[in-house]
Amino acid sequence: MHRVWKKMNRKGFTGLEAAIVLIAFVTVAAVFSYVMLGAGFYTAQKGKQSVDMGVKQASSSIELDGQYIYLKAGQTGSNGNVTEIYFYVTLSAGGTPVDLNKTVLAIRYKNYYKQIPYGTNTTDGTKLWDYVGLIHTDGSKYDNLVEKNEKYKIIINMTAIKEKYSPEITSLPETNDYLTIELKPSIGAPLIINKQIPPSLQAVTWI
């Protein structure tokens, strides 16, 4: 009788052990699944953020309003040169607002290339380039943000850049020169303008 009880007790104990082990496996599997799901959600979220940032970096938020840029000539005719350049920009379709105070202007002509962050002035306070808000449809005041339904005029003072900021630049843009202008926002692709100055300049010439 004692031997039979020992056998039954051993069988019952073995069954209890199996149940405990099974419960342990289920618990570990549940915890592991929760951890893996959490990691998956985190990875998916980071991946979405990376994609969103990549789209913002690759897409342009500002575009040229119209197709022309305007050249003010210090000297007109076939030997003319350019003292000021201006053009108009607006927000591209679906673009996020652009803070003009955080943009960098780059200009290239002849063998010269210059990058100028906004707010870079000469020692006497002359602005190398600036912006002016032009159109508001809701009657609100202008700020530094290019937003929907707004147009801004970008003005580049070539005389100040040459004479007061970059002594290595010895000449202004002249007739037949190729001109590249980049307006680089803090986020998003730059607005790039490639033009050739015509063989003759008027007081104001658009190209």
C-alpha atoms as a PDB file:
ATOM      1  CA  MET A   1       0.000   0.000   0.000  1.00  0.00           C
ATOM      2  CA  HIS A   2       2.816   2.352   0.835  1.00  0.00           C
ATOM      3  CA  ARG A   3       4.510   1.536  -2.460  1.00  0.00           C
ATOM      4  CA  VAL A   4       1.307   2.269  -4.418  1.00  0.00           C
ATOM      5  CA  TRP A   5       0.939   5.647  -2.653  1.00  0.00           C
ATOM      6  CA  LYS A   6       4.497   6.587  -3.542  1.00  0.00           C
ATOM      7  CA  LYS A   7       3.816   5.758  -7.187  1.00  0.00           C
ATOM      8  CA  MET A   8       0.616   7.801  -7.232  1.00  0.00           C
ATOM      9  CA  ASN A   9       2.313  10.699  -5.430  1.00  0.00           C
ATOM     10  CA  ARG A  10       5.192  10.674  -7.923  1.00  0.00           C
ATOM     11  CA  LYS A  11       2.760  10.717 -10.848  1.00  0.00           C
ATOM     12  CA  GLY A  12       0.777  13.582  -9.342  1.00  0.00           C
ATOM     13  CA  PHE A  13       3.946  15.556  -8.662  1.00  0.00           C
ATOM     14  CA  THR A  14       5.159  15.028 -12.211  1.00  0.00           C
ATOM     15  CA  GLY A  15       1.883  16.348 -13.580  1.00  0.00           C
ATOM     16  CA  LEU A  16       2.153  19.457 -11.361  1.00  0.00           C
ATOM     17  CA  GLU A  17       5.688  20.075 -12.591  1.00  0.00           C
ATOM     18  CA  ALA A  18       4.538  19.804 -16.169  1.00  0.00           C
ATOM     19  CA  ALA A  19       1.764  22.314 -15.521  1.00  0.00           C
ATOM     20  CA  ILE A  20       4.195  24.749 -13.918  1.00  0.00           C
ATOM     21  CA  VAL A  21       6.635  24.412 -16.813  1.00  0.00           C
ATOM     22  CA  LEU A  22       3.801  24.934 -19.301  1.00  0.00           C
ATOM     23  CA  ILE A  23       2.619  28.039 -17.476  1.00  0.00           C
ATOM     24  CA  ALA A  24       6.209  29.315 -17.401  1.00  0.00           C
ATOM     25  CA  PHE A  25       6.542  28.774 -21.157  1.00  0.00           C
ATOM     26  CA  VAL A  26       3.260  30.562 -21.841  1.00  0.00           C
ATOM     27  CA  THR A  27       4.279  33.492 -19.611  1.00  0.00           C
ATOM     28  CA  VAL A  28       7.715  33.809 -21.220  1.00  0.00           C
ATOM     29  CA  ALA A  29       6.170  33.591 -24.673  1.00  0.00           C
ATOM     30  CA  ALA A  30       3.638  36.290 -23.800  1.00  0.00           C
ATOM     31  CA  VAL A  31       6.329  38.602 -22.423  1.00  0.00           C
ATOM     32  CA  PHE A  32       8.552  37.945 -25.429  1.00  0.00           C
ATOM     33  CA  SER A  33       5.662  38.646 -27.799  1.00  0.00           C
ATOM     34  CA  TYR A  34       4.894  41.898 -25.980  1.00  0.00           C
ATOM     35  CA  VAL A  35       8.534  42.960 -26.174  1.00  0.00           C
ATOM     36  CA  MET A  36       8.731  42.081 -29.867  1.00  0.00           C
ATOM     37  CA  LEU A  37       5.481  43.927 -30.618  1.00  0.00           C
ATOM     38  CA  GLY A  38       6.747  46.968 -28.722  1.00  0.00           C
ATOM     39  CA  ALA A  39      10.017  46.878 -30.611  1.00  0.00           C
ATOM     40  CA  GLY A  40       8.118  46.492 -33.870  1.00  0.00           C
ATOM     41  CA  PHE A  41       5.889  49.480 -33.147  1.00  0.00           C
ATOM     42  CA  TYR A  42       8.926  51.553 -32.146  1.00  0.00           C
ATOM     43  CA  THR A  43      10.802  50.559 -35.306  1.00  0.00           C
ATOM     44  CA  ALA A  44       7.764  51.332 -37.453  1.00  0.00           C
ATOM     45  CA  GLN A  45       7.377  54.721 -35.815  1.00  0.00           C
ATOM     46  CA  LYS A  46      11.066  55.576 -36.281  1.00  0.00           C
ATOM     47  CA  GLY A  47      10.852  54.362 -39.858  1.00  0.00           C
ATOM     48  CA  LYS A  48       7.857  56.627 -40.502  1.00  0.00           C
ATOM     49  CA  GLN A  49       9.710  59.560 -38.976  1.00  0.00           C
ATOM     50  CA  SER A  50      12.716  58.837 -41.187  1.00  0.00           C
ATOM     51  CA  VAL A  51      10.525  58.635 -44.286  1.00  0.00           C
ATOM     52  CA  ASP A  52       8.734  61.876 -43.389  1.00  0.00           C
ATOM     53  CA  MET A  53      12.058  63.643 -42.806  1.00  0.00           C
ATOM     54  CA  GLY A  54      13.443  62.240 -46.048  1.00  0.00           C
ATOM     55  CA  VAL A  55      10.435  63.513 -47.995  1.00  0.00           C
ATOM     56  CA  LYS A  56      10.802  66.960 -46.402  1.00  0.00           C
ATOM     57  CA  GLN A  57      14.522  67.051 -47.184  1.00  0.00           C
ATOM     58  CA  ALA A  58      14.051  65.890 -50.774  1.00  0.00           C
ATOM     59  CA  SER A  59      11.057  68.038 -51.690  1.00  0.00           C
ATOM     60  CA  SER A  60      11.216  71.758 -52.287  1.00  0.00           C
ATOM     61  CA  SER A  61       8.987  73.949 -50.129  1.00  0.00           C
ATOM     62  CA  ILE A  62       9.504  77.172 -52.085  1.00  0.00           C
ATOM     63  CA  GLU A  63       9.378  77.904 -55.781  1.00  0.00           C
ATOM     64  CA  LEU A  64       9.927  80.791 -58.125  1.00  0.00           C
ATOM     65  CA  ASP A  65       6.729  82.797 -58.554  1.00  0.00           C
ATOM     66  CA  GLY A  66       6.596  83.205 -62.312  1.00  0.00           C
ATOM     67  CA  GLN A  67       9.542  82.386 -64.543  1.00  0.00           C
ATOM     68  CA  TYR A  68      11.576  85.572 -64.437  1.00  0.00           C
ATOM     69  CA  ILE A  69      14.240  87.157 -62.297  1.00  0.00           C
ATOM     70  CA  TYR A  70      14.950  90.876 -62.591  1.00  0.00           C
ATOM     71  CA  LEU A  71      18.301  92.585 -63.051  1.00  0.00           C
ATOM     72  CA  LYS A  72      19.013  96.210 -62.193  1.00  0.00           C
ATOM     73  CA  ALA A  73      21.906  97.531 -64.230  1.00  0.00           C
ATOM     74  CA  GLY A  74      24.602  99.864 -62.974  1.00  0.00           C
ATOM     75  CA  GLN A  75      25.760 100.196 -66.534  1.00  0.00           C
ATOM     76  CA  THR A  76      23.450  99.510 -69.471  1.00  0.00           C
ATOM     77  CA  GLY A  77      24.092  98.325 -73.012  1.00  0.00           C
ATOM     78  CA  SER A  78      26.368  95.591 -74.319  1.00  0.00           C
ATOM     79  CA  ASN A  79      28.992  96.301 -71.654  1.00  0.00           C
ATOM     80  CA  GLY A  80      26.437  96.418 -68.877  1.00  0.00           C
ATOM     81  CA  ASN A  81      26.728  95.008 -65.378  1.00  0.00           C
ATOM     82  CA  VAL A  82      24.237  94.042 -62.648  1.00  0.00           C
ATOM     83  CA  THR A  83      24.080  95.882 -59.316  1.00  0.00           C
ATOM     84  CA  GLU A  84      20.901  94.297 -57.940  1.00  0.00           C
ATOM     85  CA  ILE A  85      18.929  91.112 -58.546  1.00  0.00           C
ATOM     86  CA  TYR A  86      15.414  90.434 -57.355  1.00  0.00           C
ATOM     87  CA  PHE A  87      12.780  87.766 -57.851  1.00  0.00           C
ATOM     88  CA  TYR A  88       9.614  86.481 -56.219  1.00  0.00           C
ATOM     89  CA  VAL A  89       9.060  83.255 -54.319  1.00  0.00           C
ATOM     90  CA  THR A  90       6.000  81.471 -53.014  1.00  0.00           C
ATOM     91  CA  LEU A  91       5.201  78.255 -51.185  1.00  0.00           C
ATOM     92  CA  SER A  92       5.078  75.179 -53.401  1.00  0.00           C
ATOM     93  CA  ALA A  93       1.914  73.068 -53.427  1.00  0.00           C
ATOM     94  CA  GLY A  94       1.774  71.010 -50.244  1.00  0.00           C
ATOM     95  CA  GLY A  95       4.978  72.594 -48.964  1.00  0.00           C
ATOM     96  CA  THR A  96       5.586  73.380 -45.311  1.00  0.00           C
ATOM     97  CA  PRO A  97       6.143  77.041 -44.305  1.00  0.00           C
ATOM     98  CA  VAL A  98       9.704  78.263 -44.829  1.00  0.00           C
ATOM     99  CA  ASP A  99      11.470  80.478 -42.295  1.00  0.00           C
ATOM    100  CA  LEU A 100      13.371  82.983 -44.440  1.00  0.00           C
ATOM    101  CA  ASN A 101      15.433  84.062 -41.437  1.00  0.00           C
ATOM    102  CA  LYS A 102      17.019  80.594 -41.460  1.00  0.00           C
ATOM    103  CA  THR A 103      17.771  80.420 -45.167  1.00  0.00           C
ATOM    104  CA  VAL A 104      21.118  80.716 -46.922  1.00  0.00           C
ATOM    105  CA  LEU A 105      21.568  82.425 -50.264  1.00  0.00           C
ATOM    106  CA  ALA A 106      24.262  81.165 -52.613  1.00  0.00           C
ATOM    107  CA  ILE A 107      25.258  82.921 -55.810  1.00  0.00           C
ATOM    108  CA  ARG A 108      27.637  81.792 -58.542  1.00  0.00           C
ATOM    109  CA  TYR A 109      28.879  83.654 -61.622  1.00  0.00           C
ATOM    110  CA  LYS A 110      32.176  83.761 -63.491  1.00  0.00           C
ATOM    111  CA  ASN A 111      34.585  81.958 -61.114  1.00  0.00           C
ATOM    112  CA  TYR A 112      32.938  83.329 -57.978  1.00  0.00           C
ATOM    113  CA  TYR A 113      30.797  81.408 -55.520  1.00  0.00           C
ATOM    114  CA  LYS A 114      29.454  82.875 -52.301  1.00  0.00           C
ATOM    115  CA  GLN A 115      27.108  81.556 -49.592  1.00  0.00           C
ATOM    116  CA  ILE A 116      25.451  84.206 -47.447  1.00  0.00           C
ATOM    117  CA  PRO A 117      23.199  83.304 -44.487  1.00  0.00           C
ATOM    118  CA  TYR A 118      20.272  85.643 -43.998  1.00  0.00           C
ATOM    119  CA  GLY A 119      21.089  88.528 -41.679  1.00  0.00           C
ATOM    120  CA  THR A 120      24.713  88.802 -42.813  1.00  0.00           C
ATOM    121  CA  ASN A 121      25.319  92.527 -43.161  1.00  0.00           C
ATOM    122  CA  THR A 122      28.330  94.680 -43.928  1.00  0.00           C
ATOM    123  CA  THR A 123      30.168  96.593 -41.210  1.00  0.00           C
ATOM    124  CA  ASP A 124      28.056  99.696 -41.909  1.00  0.00           C
ATOM    125  CA  GLY A 125      24.820  97.715 -41.608  1.00  0.00           C
ATOM    126  CA  THR A 126      24.078  97.329 -45.324  1.00  0.00           C
ATOM    127  CA  LYS A 127      21.986  94.213 -45.981  1.00  0.00           C
ATOM    128  CA  LEU A 128      23.514  91.850 -48.522  1.00  0.00           C
ATOM    129  CA  TRP A 129      20.138  90.338 -49.273  1.00  0.00           C
ATOM    130  CA  ASP A 130      16.684  90.782 -47.850  1.00  0.00           C
ATOM    131  CA  TYR A 131      13.027  89.846 -48.352  1.00  0.00           C
ATOM    132  CA  VAL A 132       9.792  91.826 -48.539  1.00  0.00           C
ATOM    133  CA  GLY A 133       6.294  90.356 -48.163  1.00  0.00           C
ATOM    134  CA  LEU A 134       3.937  91.336 -50.990  1.00  0.00           C
ATOM    135  CA  ILE A 135       0.589  89.558 -50.990  1.00  0.00           C
ATOM    136  CA  HIS A 136      -1.663  88.620 -48.097  1.00  0.00           C
ATOM    137  CA  THR A 137      -5.157  87.343 -48.730  1.00  0.00           C
ATOM    138  CA  ASP A 138      -6.309  87.287 -45.108  1.00  0.00           C
ATOM    139  CA  GLY A 139      -5.230  90.787 -44.095  1.00  0.00           C
ATOM    140  CA  SER A 140      -2.700  89.604 -41.512  1.00  0.00           C
ATOM    141  CA  LYS A 141       0.772  91.057 -41.098  1.00  0.00           C
ATOM    142  CA  TYR A 142       3.885  89.625 -42.648  1.00  0.00           C
ATOM    143  CA  ASP A 143       6.430  87.689 -40.674  1.00  0.00           C
ATOM    144  CA  ASN A 144       9.507  85.695 -41.594  1.00  0.00           C
ATOM    145  CA  LEU A 145       7.508  82.659 -42.780  1.00  0.00           C
ATOM    146  CA  VAL A 146       6.591  81.966 -46.389  1.00  0.00           C
ATOM    147  CA  GLU A 147       3.134  80.440 -46.015  1.00  0.00           C
ATOM    148  CA  LYS A 148       0.210  79.506 -48.252  1.00  0.00           C
ATOM    149  CA  ASN A 149      -1.103  82.339 -50.449  1.00  0.00           C
ATOM    150  CA  GLU A 150       1.921  84.540 -49.710  1.00  0.00           C
ATOM    151  CA  LYS A 151       4.508  85.976 -52.080  1.00  0.00           C
ATOM    152  CA  TYR A 152       7.888  87.368 -51.036  1.00  0.00           C
ATOM    153  CA  LYS A 153      10.348  89.492 -52.964  1.00  0.00           C
ATOM    154  CA  ILE A 154      13.984  88.425 -52.552  1.00  0.00           C
ATOM    155  CA  ILE A 155      16.453  91.270 -53.143  1.00  0.00           C
ATOM    156  CA  ILE A 156      20.191  90.658 -53.656  1.00  0.00           C
ATOM    157  CA  ASN A 157      22.526  93.642 -53.335  1.00  0.00           C
ATOM    158  CA  MET A 158      25.355  92.697 -55.687  1.00  0.00           C
ATOM    159  CA  THR A 159      27.188  95.989 -55.158  1.00  0.00           C
ATOM    160  CA  ALA A 160      27.363  95.442 -51.384  1.00  0.00           C
ATOM    161  CA  ILE A 161      28.461  91.820 -51.834  1.00  0.00           C
ATOM    162  CA  LYS A 162      31.293  92.862 -54.154  1.00  0.00           C
ATOM    163  CA  GLU A 163      32.478  96.076 -52.524  1.00  0.00           C
ATOM    164  CA  LYS A 164      31.779  95.565 -48.803  1.00  0.00           C
ATOM    165  CA  TYR A 165      31.667  91.828 -48.151  1.00  0.00           C
ATOM    166  CA  SER A 166      33.811  89.839 -50.566  1.00  0.00           C
ATOM    167  CA  PRO A 167      37.025  91.585 -51.595  1.00  0.00           C
ATOM    168  CA  GLU A 168      37.988  88.566 -53.693  1.00  0.00           C
ATOM    169  CA  ILE A 169      35.102  89.414 -56.041  1.00  0.00           C
ATOM    170  CA  THR A 170      36.525  91.950 -58.457  1.00  0.00           C
ATOM    171  CA  SER A 171      33.624  92.354 -60.888  1.00  0.00           C
ATOM    172  CA  LEU A 172      29.844  92.408 -60.945  1.00  0.00           C
ATOM    173  CA  PRO A 173      27.795  90.022 -63.097  1.00  0.00           C
ATOM    174  CA  GLU A 174      28.057  91.201 -66.692  1.00  0.00           C
ATOM    175  CA  THR A 175      26.389  90.619 -70.032  1.00  0.00           C
ATOM    176  CA  ASN A 176      26.499  86.986 -71.250  1.00  0.00           C
ATOM    177  CA  ASP A 177      27.561  85.661 -67.830  1.00  0.00           C
ATOM    178  CA  TYR A 178      25.912  82.518 -66.542  1.00  0.00           C
ATOM    179  CA  LEU A 179      24.227  83.055 -63.197  1.00  0.00           C
ATOM    180  CA  THR A 180      23.171  80.490 -60.581  1.00  0.00           C
ATOM    181  CA  ILE A 181      21.194  81.460 -57.501  1.00  0.00           C
ATOM    182  CA  GLU A 182      20.267  79.050 -54.714  1.00  0.00           C
ATOM    183  CA  LEU A 183      17.910  79.798 -51.848  1.00  0.00           C
ATOM    184  CA  LYS A 184      18.486  77.100 -49.234  1.00  0.00           C
ATOM    185  CA  PRO A 185      15.882  76.645 -46.467  1.00  0.00           C
ATOM    186  CA  SER A 186      16.732  74.920 -43.188  1.00  0.00           C
ATOM    187  CA  ILE A 187      14.546  71.956 -44.219  1.00  0.00           C
ATOM    188  CA  GLY A 188      13.830  70.940 -47.778  1.00  0.00           C
ATOM    189  CA  ALA A 189      15.531  71.103 -51.132  1.00  0.00           C
ATOM    190  CA  PRO A 190      16.906  74.467 -52.258  1.00  0.00           C
ATOM    191  CA  LEU A 191      15.315  76.653 -54.882  1.00  0.00           C
ATOM    192  CA  ILE A 192      17.835  76.716 -57.741  1.00  0.00           C
ATOM    193  CA  ILE A 193      17.690  79.335 -60.496  1.00  0.00           C
ATOM    194  CA  ASN A 194      19.940  79.062 -63.555  1.00  0.00           C
ATOM    195  CA  LYS A 195      19.960  81.971 -66.002  1.00  0.00           C
ATOM    196  CA  GLN A 196      22.203  83.604 -68.575  1.00  0.00           C
ATOM    197  CA  ILE A 197      22.460  87.387 -68.604  1.00  0.00           C
ATOM    198  CA  PRO A 198      21.492  88.694 -72.048  1.00  0.00           C
ATOM    199  CA  PRO A 199      24.027  90.381 -74.365  1.00  0.00           C
ATOM    200  CA  SER A 200      22.580  93.819 -73.604  1.00  0.00           C
ATOM    201  CA  LEU A 201      21.128  95.287 -70.418  1.00  0.00           C
ATOM    202  CA  GLN A 202      18.473  97.924 -69.821  1.00  0.00           C
ATOM    203  CA  ALA A 203      17.938  99.782 -66.558  1.00  0.00           C
ATOM    204  CA  VAL A 204      15.802  96.789 -65.491  1.00  0.00           C
ATOM    205  CA  THR A 205      16.003  93.580 -67.470  1.00  0.00           C
ATOM    206  CA  TRP A 206      14.014  90.411 -66.814  1.00  0.00           C
ATOM    207  CA  ILE A 207      15.309  87.022 -67.851  1.00  0.00           C
END
